[in-house]
C-alpha atoms as a PDB file:
ATOM      1  CA  MET A   1      82.032 120.629  22.646  1.00  0.00           C
ATOM      2  CA  THR A   2      83.354 119.710  26.003  1.00  0.00           C
ATOM      3  CA  LYS A   3      86.515 121.215  27.097  1.00  0.00           C
ATOM      4  CA  LEU A   4      89.787 119.479  27.931  1.00  0.00           C
ATOM      5  CA  SER A   5      91.830 121.010  30.701  1.00  0.00           C
ATOM      6  CA  VAL A   6      95.032 119.288  31.160  1.00  0.00           C
ATOM      7  CA  ASN A   7      96.312 118.724  34.483  1.00  0.00           C
ATOM      8  CA  ILE A   8     100.200 118.874  34.475  1.00  0.00           C
ATOM      9  CA  ASN A   9     100.794 117.805  37.808  1.00  0.00           C
ATOM     10  CA  LYS A  10     102.946 114.880  36.728  1.00  0.00           C
ATOM     11  CA  ILE A  11     104.907 116.859  34.556  1.00  0.00           C
ATOM     12  CA  ALA A  12     106.108 118.658  37.860  1.00  0.00           C
ATOM     13  CA  THR A  13     106.558 115.324  39.559  1.00  0.00           C
ATOM     14  CA  LEU A  14     109.112 114.145  36.628  1.00  0.00           C
ATOM     15  CA  ARG A  15     110.872 117.458  37.153  1.00  0.00           C
ATOM     16  CA  ASN A  16     111.150 117.295  40.797  1.00  0.00           C
ATOM     17  CA  SER A  17     112.230 113.699  41.155  1.00  0.00           C
ATOM     18  CA  ARG A  18     115.712 114.843  39.197  1.00  0.00           C
ATOM     19  CA  GLY A  19     115.927 118.527  40.253  1.00  0.00           C
ATOM     20  CA  GLY A  20     116.582 121.260  37.829  1.00  0.00           C
ATOM     21  CA  ASN A  21     113.897 122.326  35.339  1.00  0.00           C
ATOM     22  CA  VAL A  22     113.490 119.227  32.858  1.00  0.00           C
ATOM     23  CA  PRO A  23     110.846 118.817  31.814  1.00  0.00           C
ATOM     24  CA  ASN A  24     110.230 122.857  31.743  1.00  0.00           C
ATOM     25  CA  LEU A  25     106.526 122.989  33.104  1.00  0.00           C
ATOM     26  CA  VAL A  26     105.856 126.437  31.707  1.00  0.00           C
ATOM     27  CA  GLN A  27     106.811 125.253  28.352  1.00  0.00           C
ATOM     28  CA  VAL A  28     104.762 122.225  28.520  1.00  0.00           C
ATOM     29  CA  ALA A  29     101.915 124.320  29.543  1.00  0.00           C
ATOM     30  CA  LYS A  30     102.598 126.450  26.247  1.00  0.00           C
ATOM     31  CA  ASP A  31     102.724 123.376  24.047  1.00  0.00           C
ATOM     32  CA  VAL A  32      99.762 121.768  25.363  1.00  0.00           C
ATOM     33  CA  GLN A  33      97.615 124.782  24.515  1.00  0.00           C
ATOM     34  CA  ASP A  34      99.532 125.025  21.177  1.00  0.00           C
ATOM     35  CA  PHE A  35      98.170 121.574  20.696  1.00  0.00           C
ATOM     36  CA  GLY A  36      94.604 122.412  21.317  1.00  0.00           C
ATOM     37  CA  ALA A  37      93.925 121.831  24.605  1.00  0.00           C
ATOM     38  CA  ASN A  38      91.121 123.998  26.134  1.00  0.00           C
ATOM     39  CA  GLY A  39      92.997 124.677  29.729  1.00  0.00           C
ATOM     40  CA  ILE A  40      95.759 124.065  31.997  1.00  0.00           C
ATOM     41  CA  THR A  41      94.884 122.580  35.646  1.00  0.00           C
ATOM     42  CA  ILE A  42      97.213 122.317  38.382  1.00  0.00           C
ATOM     43  CA  HIS A  43      96.827 121.228  41.909  1.00  0.00           C
ATOM     44  CA  PRO A  44      99.141 122.472  44.421  1.00  0.00           C
ATOM     45  CA  ARG A  45      99.467 120.559  47.729  1.00  0.00           C
ATOM     46  CA  PRO A  46     100.976 121.791  50.769  1.00  0.00           C
ATOM     47  CA  ASP A  47     104.089 119.816  50.769  1.00  0.00           C
ATOM     48  CA  GLU A  48     104.774 120.958  47.241  1.00  0.00           C
ATOM     49  CA  ARG A  49     105.537 117.382  46.081  1.00  0.00           C
ATOM     50  CA  HIS A  50     104.619 118.053  42.356  1.00  0.00           C
ATOM     51  CA  ILE A  51     103.396 121.617  41.771  1.00  0.00           C
ATOM     52  CA  ARG A  52     105.081 124.144  43.527  1.00  0.00           C
ATOM     53  CA  TYR A  53     103.174 127.339  44.729  1.00  0.00           C
ATOM     54  CA  GLN A  54     105.891 129.375  42.662  1.00  0.00           C
ATOM     55  CA  ASP A  55     104.637 127.291  39.600  1.00  0.00           C
ATOM     56  CA  ALA A  56     101.100 128.710  39.935  1.00  0.00           C
ATOM     57  CA  TYR A  57     102.792 132.201  39.692  1.00  0.00           C
ATOM     58  CA  ASP A  58     105.059 131.195  36.627  1.00  0.00           C
ATOM     59  CA  LEU A  59     101.877 129.904  34.816  1.00  0.00           C
ATOM     60  CA  LYS A  60      99.964 132.839  35.223  1.00  0.00           C
ATOM     61  CA  PRO A  61     101.186 134.757  32.336  1.00  0.00           C
ATOM     62  CA  VAL A  62     101.381 131.652  29.873  1.00  0.00           C
ATOM     63  CA  VAL A  63      98.068 130.320  30.378  1.00  0.00           C
ATOM     64  CA  THR A  64      95.962 131.985  27.632  1.00  0.00           C
ATOM     65  CA  THR A  65      93.155 129.374  27.735  1.00  0.00           C
ATOM     66  CA  GLU A  66      91.272 128.625  31.131  1.00  0.00           C
ATOM     67  CA  TYR A  67      93.514 128.609  34.177  1.00  0.00           C
ATOM     68  CA  ASN A  68      92.291 125.947  36.840  1.00  0.00           C
ATOM     69  CA  ILE A  69      93.617 125.766  39.956  1.00  0.00           C
ATOM     70  CA  GLU A  70      92.360 122.692  42.552  1.00  0.00           C
ATOM     71  CA  GLY A  71      93.113 122.358  46.032  1.00  0.00           C
ATOM     72  CA  ASN A  72      91.807 122.220  49.578  1.00  0.00           C
ATOM     73  CA  PRO A  73      91.099 125.701  50.748  1.00  0.00           C
ATOM     74  CA  ILE A  74      93.329 126.116  53.622  1.00  0.00           C
ATOM     75  CA  GLN A  75      94.649 129.622  54.302  1.00  0.00           C
ATOM     76  CA  LYS A  76      97.813 129.400  51.975  1.00  0.00           C
ATOM     77  CA  PHE A  77      95.716 128.087  49.086  1.00  0.00           C
ATOM     78  CA  THR A  78      93.078 130.438  49.388  1.00  0.00           C
ATOM     79  CA  ASP A  79      95.610 133.186  49.502  1.00  0.00           C
ATOM     80  CA  LEU A  80      97.397 131.946  46.219  1.00  0.00           C
ATOM     81  CA  VAL A  81      94.362 131.579  44.360  1.00  0.00           C
ATOM     82  CA  LEU A  82      93.058 135.110  45.203  1.00  0.00           C
ATOM     83  CA  ASP A  83      96.240 136.697  44.388  1.00  0.00           C
ATOM     84  CA  ILE A  84      96.746 134.892  40.943  1.00  0.00           C
ATOM     85  CA  LYS A  85      92.752 134.861  39.947  1.00  0.00           C
ATOM     86  CA  PRO A  86      92.734 132.134  37.735  1.00  0.00           C
ATOM     87  CA  THR A  87      89.750 131.170  35.484  1.00  0.00           C
ATOM     88  CA  GLN A  88      88.419 128.773  37.977  1.00  0.00           C
ATOM     89  CA  VAL A  89      89.282 127.211  41.423  1.00  0.00           C
ATOM     90  CA  THR A  90      87.943 123.722  42.089  1.00  0.00           C
ATOM     91  CA  LEU A  91      87.521 122.951  45.817  1.00  0.00           C
ATOM     92  CA  VAL A  92      88.946 119.373  46.728  1.00  0.00           C
ATOM     93  CA  PRO A  93      88.579 118.262  50.109  1.00  0.00           C
ATOM     94  CA  ASP A  94      91.949 116.139  50.074  1.00  0.00           C
ATOM     95  CA  GLY A  95      94.162 115.800  53.513  1.00  0.00           C
ATOM     96  CA  GLU A  96      97.855 116.622  53.356  1.00  0.00           C
ATOM     97  CA  ASP A  97      98.607 112.894  53.581  1.00  0.00           C
ATOM     98  CA  VAL A  98      96.473 111.616  50.604  1.00  0.00           C
ATOM     99  CA  LEU A  99      98.511 110.647  47.412  1.00  0.00           C
ATOM    100  CA  THR A 100      95.740 111.629  45.332  1.00  0.00           C
ATOM    101  CA  SER A 101      92.137 112.929  45.594  1.00  0.00           C
ATOM    102  CA  ASN A 102      90.068 110.288  46.832  1.00  0.00           C
ATOM    103  CA  ALA A 103      86.757 111.830  47.847  1.00  0.00           C
ATOM    104  CA  GLY A 104      84.220 114.473  47.280  1.00  0.00           C
ATOM    105  CA  TRP A 105      83.008 117.223  49.592  1.00  0.00           C
ATOM    106  CA  ASN A 106      80.152 116.539  51.849  1.00  0.00           C
ATOM    107  CA  THR A 107      78.134 119.623  50.876  1.00  0.00           C
ATOM    108  CA  ILE A 108      75.703 119.176  53.677  1.00  0.00           C
ATOM    109  CA  LYS A 109      78.226 118.684  56.540  1.00  0.00           C
ATOM    110  CA  HIS A 110      80.410 121.708  55.449  1.00  0.00           C
ATOM    111  CA  GLN A 111      77.778 123.775  53.643  1.00  0.00           C
ATOM    112  CA  SER A 112      78.348 126.700  56.082  1.00  0.00           C
ATOM    113  CA  TYR A 113      82.141 126.379  55.495  1.00  0.00           C
ATOM    114  CA  LEU A 114      81.687 126.095  51.938  1.00  0.00           C
ATOM    115  CA  LYS A 115      79.308 129.039  51.503  1.00  0.00           C
ATOM    116  CA  GLU A 116      81.949 131.428  52.964  1.00  0.00           C
ATOM    117  CA  VAL A 117      84.814 129.863  50.765  1.00  0.00           C
ATOM    118  CA  VAL A 118      82.710 130.118  47.741  1.00  0.00           C
ATOM    119  CA  ALA A 119      81.453 133.552  48.416  1.00  0.00           C
ATOM    120  CA  GLU A 120      85.253 134.931  48.843  1.00  0.00           C
ATOM    121  CA  PHE A 121      86.589 133.410  45.451  1.00  0.00           C
ATOM    122  CA  LYS A 122      83.302 134.452  43.539  1.00  0.00           C
ATOM    123  CA  ASN A 123      83.543 137.887  44.988  1.00  0.00           C
ATOM    124  CA  ALA A 124      87.243 138.055  43.435  1.00  0.00           C
ATOM    125  CA  GLY A 125      85.620 137.152  40.197  1.00  0.00           C
ATOM    126  CA  ILE A 126      87.099 133.585  40.069  1.00  0.00           C
ATOM    127  CA  ARG A 127      84.609 130.765  38.763  1.00  0.00           C
ATOM    128  CA  THR A 128      84.086 128.218  41.757  1.00  0.00           C
ATOM    129  CA  SER A 129      83.862 124.426  41.219  1.00  0.00           C
ATOM    130  CA  ILE A 130      83.182 121.615  43.965  1.00  0.00           C
ATOM    131  CA  PHE A 131      84.562 118.296  43.598  1.00  0.00           C
ATOM    132  CA  ILE A 132      81.733 115.808  44.490  1.00  0.00           C
ATOM    133  CA  GLU A 133      80.463 112.232  44.106  1.00  0.00           C
ATOM    134  CA  THR A 134      77.355 111.420  42.777  1.00  0.00           C
ATOM    135  CA  ASP A 135      74.851 111.383  45.730  1.00  0.00           C
ATOM    136  CA  LEU A 136      71.880 113.736  44.848  1.00  0.00           C
ATOM    137  CA  LYS A 137      71.456 115.053  48.210  1.00  0.00           C
ATOM    138  CA  LEU A 138      74.967 116.434  47.915  1.00  0.00           C
ATOM    139  CA  ILE A 139      74.278 117.757  44.382  1.00  0.00           C
ATOM    140  CA  GLU A 140      71.532 119.784  46.226  1.00  0.00           C
ATOM    141  CA  GLY A 141      73.800 120.706  48.895  1.00  0.00           C
ATOM    142  CA  ALA A 142      76.332 122.170  46.482  1.00  0.00           C
ATOM    143  CA  ALA A 143      73.818 124.092  44.699  1.00  0.00           C
ATOM    144  CA  LYS A 144      72.882 125.706  48.115  1.00  0.00           C
ATOM    145  CA  THR A 145      76.581 127.167  48.637  1.00  0.00           C
ATOM    146  CA  GLY A 146      76.167 129.491  45.777  1.00  0.00           C
ATOM    147  CA  VAL A 147      79.157 127.550  43.715  1.00  0.00           C
ATOM    148  CA  ASP A 148      79.020 127.981  39.812  1.00  0.00           C
ATOM    149  CA  ARG A 149      79.850 124.149  38.923  1.00  0.00           C
ATOM    150  CA  ILE A 150      80.500 120.946  40.224  1.00  0.00           C
ATOM    151  CA  GLU A 151      83.443 118.607  39.448  1.00  0.00           C
ATOM    152  CA  LEU A 152      81.792 114.968  39.257  1.00  0.00           C
ATOM    153  CA  TYR A 153      84.537 112.713  40.995  1.00  0.00           C
ATOM    154  CA  THR A 154      84.641 109.728  38.144  1.00  0.00           C
ATOM    155  CA  GLU A 155      86.972 107.161  40.108  1.00  0.00           C
ATOM    156  CA  ASP A 156      84.065 104.713  40.346  1.00  0.00           C
ATOM    157  CA  PHE A 157      82.843 105.019  36.862  1.00  0.00           C
ATOM    158  CA  ALA A 158      86.499 104.425  35.484  1.00  0.00           C
ATOM    159  CA  LYS A 159      87.080 101.310  37.634  1.00  0.00           C
ATOM    160  CA  GLU A 160      83.713  99.647  36.758  1.00  0.00           C
ATOM    161  CA  PHE A 161      84.063 100.452  33.257  1.00  0.00           C
ATOM    162  CA  GLU A 162      87.211  98.860  33.121  1.00  0.00           C
ATOM    163  CA  LYS A 163      85.439  95.690  34.102  1.00  0.00           C
ATOM    164  CA  GLY A 164      83.100  96.084  31.431  1.00  0.00           C
ATOM    165  CA  ASN A 165      80.114  97.518  33.566  1.00  0.00           C
ATOM    166  CA  LYS A 166      78.942 100.261  31.249  1.00  0.00           C
ATOM    167  CA  GLU A 167      75.689 100.768  33.938  1.00  0.00           C
ATOM    168  CA  ALA A 168      78.188 102.360  36.082  1.00  0.00           C
ATOM    169  CA  VAL A 169      77.558 105.798  33.848  1.00  0.00           C
ATOM    170  CA  LYS A 170      74.055 105.943  35.279  1.00  0.00           C
ATOM    171  CA  PRO A 171      74.587 107.651  38.817  1.00  0.00           C
ATOM    172  CA  TYR A 172      76.650 110.211  36.804  1.00  0.00           C
ATOM    173  CA  ILE A 173      73.716 110.854  34.432  1.00  0.00           C
ATOM    174  CA  GLU A 174      71.491 111.428  37.097  1.00  0.00           C
ATOM    175  CA  ALA A 175      73.853 113.684  38.945  1.00  0.00           C
ATOM    176  CA  ALA A 176      74.639 115.716  35.874  1.00  0.00           C
ATOM    177  CA  VAL A 177      70.660 115.915  35.098  1.00  0.00           C
ATOM    178  CA  LEU A 178      69.862 117.386  38.657  1.00  0.00           C
ATOM    179  CA  ALA A 179      72.918 119.562  38.550  1.00  0.00           C
ATOM    180  CA  HIS A 180      71.578 121.036  35.371  1.00  0.00           C
ATOM    181  CA  GLU A 181      68.192 121.551  36.828  1.00  0.00           C
ATOM    182  CA  LEU A 182      69.485 123.229  39.734  1.00  0.00           C
ATOM    183  CA  GLY A 183      71.854 125.684  37.559  1.00  0.00           C
ATOM    184  CA  LEU A 184      75.050 124.362  37.895  1.00  0.00           C
ATOM    185  CA  GLY A 185      77.863 123.781  35.319  1.00  0.00           C
ATOM    186  CA  ILE A 186      78.904 120.092  35.086  1.00  0.00           C
ATOM    187  CA  ASN A 187      82.793 119.271  34.987  1.00  0.00           C
ATOM    188  CA  ALA A 188      84.563 115.752  35.609  1.00  0.00           C
ATOM    189  CA  GLY A 189      87.677 114.342  36.329  1.00  0.00           C
ATOM    190  CA  HIS A 190      89.827 111.284  37.934  1.00  0.00           C
ATOM    191  CA  ASP A 191      90.869 107.994  36.177  1.00  0.00           C
ATOM    192  CA  LEU A 192      89.214 109.412  33.008  1.00  0.00           C
ATOM    193  CA  ASN A 193      91.405 107.951  29.985  1.00  0.00           C
ATOM    194  CA  LEU A 194      91.288 107.279  26.441  1.00  0.00           C
ATOM    195  CA  ASP A 195      89.299 104.042  26.805  1.00  0.00           C
ATOM    196  CA  ASN A 196      86.671 105.511  28.823  1.00  0.00           C
ATOM    197  CA  ILE A 197      86.275 109.260  28.018  1.00  0.00           C
ATOM    198  CA  GLU A 198      84.369 109.089  24.695  1.00  0.00           C
ATOM    199  CA  PHE A 199      81.621 106.863  26.365  1.00  0.00           C
ATOM    200  CA  PHE A 200      81.173 109.246  29.348  1.00  0.00           C
ATOM    201  CA  LYS A 201      81.134 112.395  27.444  1.00  0.00           C
ATOM    202  CA  ASN A 202      78.425 111.026  25.054  1.00  0.00           C
ATOM    203  CA  ASN A 203      76.344 109.774  28.108  1.00  0.00           C
ATOM    204  CA  ILE A 204      76.697 112.791  30.363  1.00  0.00           C
ATOM    205  CA  PRO A 205      74.309 115.688  29.328  1.00  0.00           C
ATOM    206  CA  ASN A 206      75.828 119.158  29.480  1.00  0.00           C
ATOM    207  CA  LEU A 207      79.117 118.339  30.558  1.00  0.00           C
ATOM    208  CA  ALA A 208      81.223 121.554  30.134  1.00  0.00           C
ATOM    209  CA  GLU A 209      84.981 120.226  30.854  1.00  0.00           C
ATOM    210  CA  VAL A 210      86.890 117.167  31.807  1.00  0.00           C
ATOM    211  CA  SER A 211      90.279 117.557  33.743  1.00  0.00           C
ATOM    212  CA  ILE A 212      93.009 114.874  32.973  1.00  0.00           C
ATOM    213  CA  GLY A 213      96.217 114.461  34.158  1.00  0.00           C
ATOM    214  CA  HIS A 214      97.538 111.126  35.284  1.00  0.00           C
ATOM    215  CA  ALA A 215      96.175 109.213  32.460  1.00  0.00           C
ATOM    216  CA  LEU A 216      96.909 111.791  29.477  1.00  0.00           C
ATOM    217  CA  ILE A 217     100.663 111.928  30.532  1.00  0.00           C
ATOM    218  CA  SER A 218     100.901 108.402  30.953  1.00  0.00           C
ATOM    219  CA  GLU A 219      99.487 107.550  27.459  1.00  0.00           C
ATOM    220  CA  SER A 220     101.520 110.589  26.213  1.00  0.00           C
ATOM    221  CA  ILE A 221     104.632 108.662  27.152  1.00  0.00           C
ATOM    222  CA  TYR A 222     103.638 105.567  25.641  1.00  0.00           C
ATOM    223  CA  LEU A 223     102.193 106.511  22.313  1.00  0.00           C
ATOM    224  CA  GLY A 224     104.954 108.986  21.630  1.00  0.00           C
ATOM    225  CA  ILE A 225     108.009 106.749  22.775  1.00  0.00           C
ATOM    226  CA  GLU A 226     108.394 105.128  19.504  1.00  0.00           C
ATOM    227  CA  ASN A 227     108.666 108.479  17.720  1.00  0.00           C
ATOM    228  CA  VAL A 228     111.530 109.582  20.222  1.00  0.00           C
ATOM    229  CA  VAL A 229     113.193 106.161  20.146  1.00  0.00           C
ATOM    230  CA  ASN A 230     113.373 106.502  16.101  1.00  0.00           C
ATOM    231  CA  MET A 231     114.486 109.799  16.393  1.00  0.00           C
ATOM    232  CA  TYR A 232     117.549 108.792  18.891  1.00  0.00           C
ATOM    233  CA  LEU A 233     118.362 105.830  16.309  1.00  0.00           C
ATOM    234  CA  HIS A 234     118.373 108.408  13.371  1.00  0.00           C
ATOM    235  CA  ARG A 235     121.049 110.619  15.164  1.00  0.00           C
ATOM    236  CA  LEU A 236     123.080 107.522  16.106  1.00  0.00           C
ATOM    237  CA  GLN A 237     123.305 106.210  12.418  1.00  0.00           C
END
């Protein structure tokens, strides 16, 4: 079975937009795990526009499944991860000005740097993963960094699948096959949703874990709204 790690960044975005502590991020993490999720993912950014660095500490004692912290390994992020020691750290090369992660690592250009970062986290007993695109040379480069896993950046697949192009999964299959041959675990994430996740999972060999946030939270709002509206109406009768 492929594990589901739920990215709760959007819960933090909603909380921050109003101030206070509604919705309660820690309680959501507890509930998501009680509902059967296999892990919790957060992606703190330097401006703390959704997940705050303090959130990462507050979540540590309540995440009883797998705790995955994503981010660009600037010093502040690295210090945070080494202090918390989550199950997994996923290295993402996003700049401070990007709205959401929009590219994977160039594991050839940045190989020396990634080797150092990966070694530091692994020495602390933290499983490491690199956010990456499907270029096979970059997959080979990832293996040379000593990383445990890669996370396939799936935006291109999701966009093409929505258009009806199921052939778009082929580069991901090839990347996964090579990664497995090189001894790498395989994660995936970005724009995976209820419409495309089953097809993707059924076609990607050895897919260990998917990390899903924006789509899952958006789908939850829509699919759950009828129940909540009726609960209000019942109380107003």
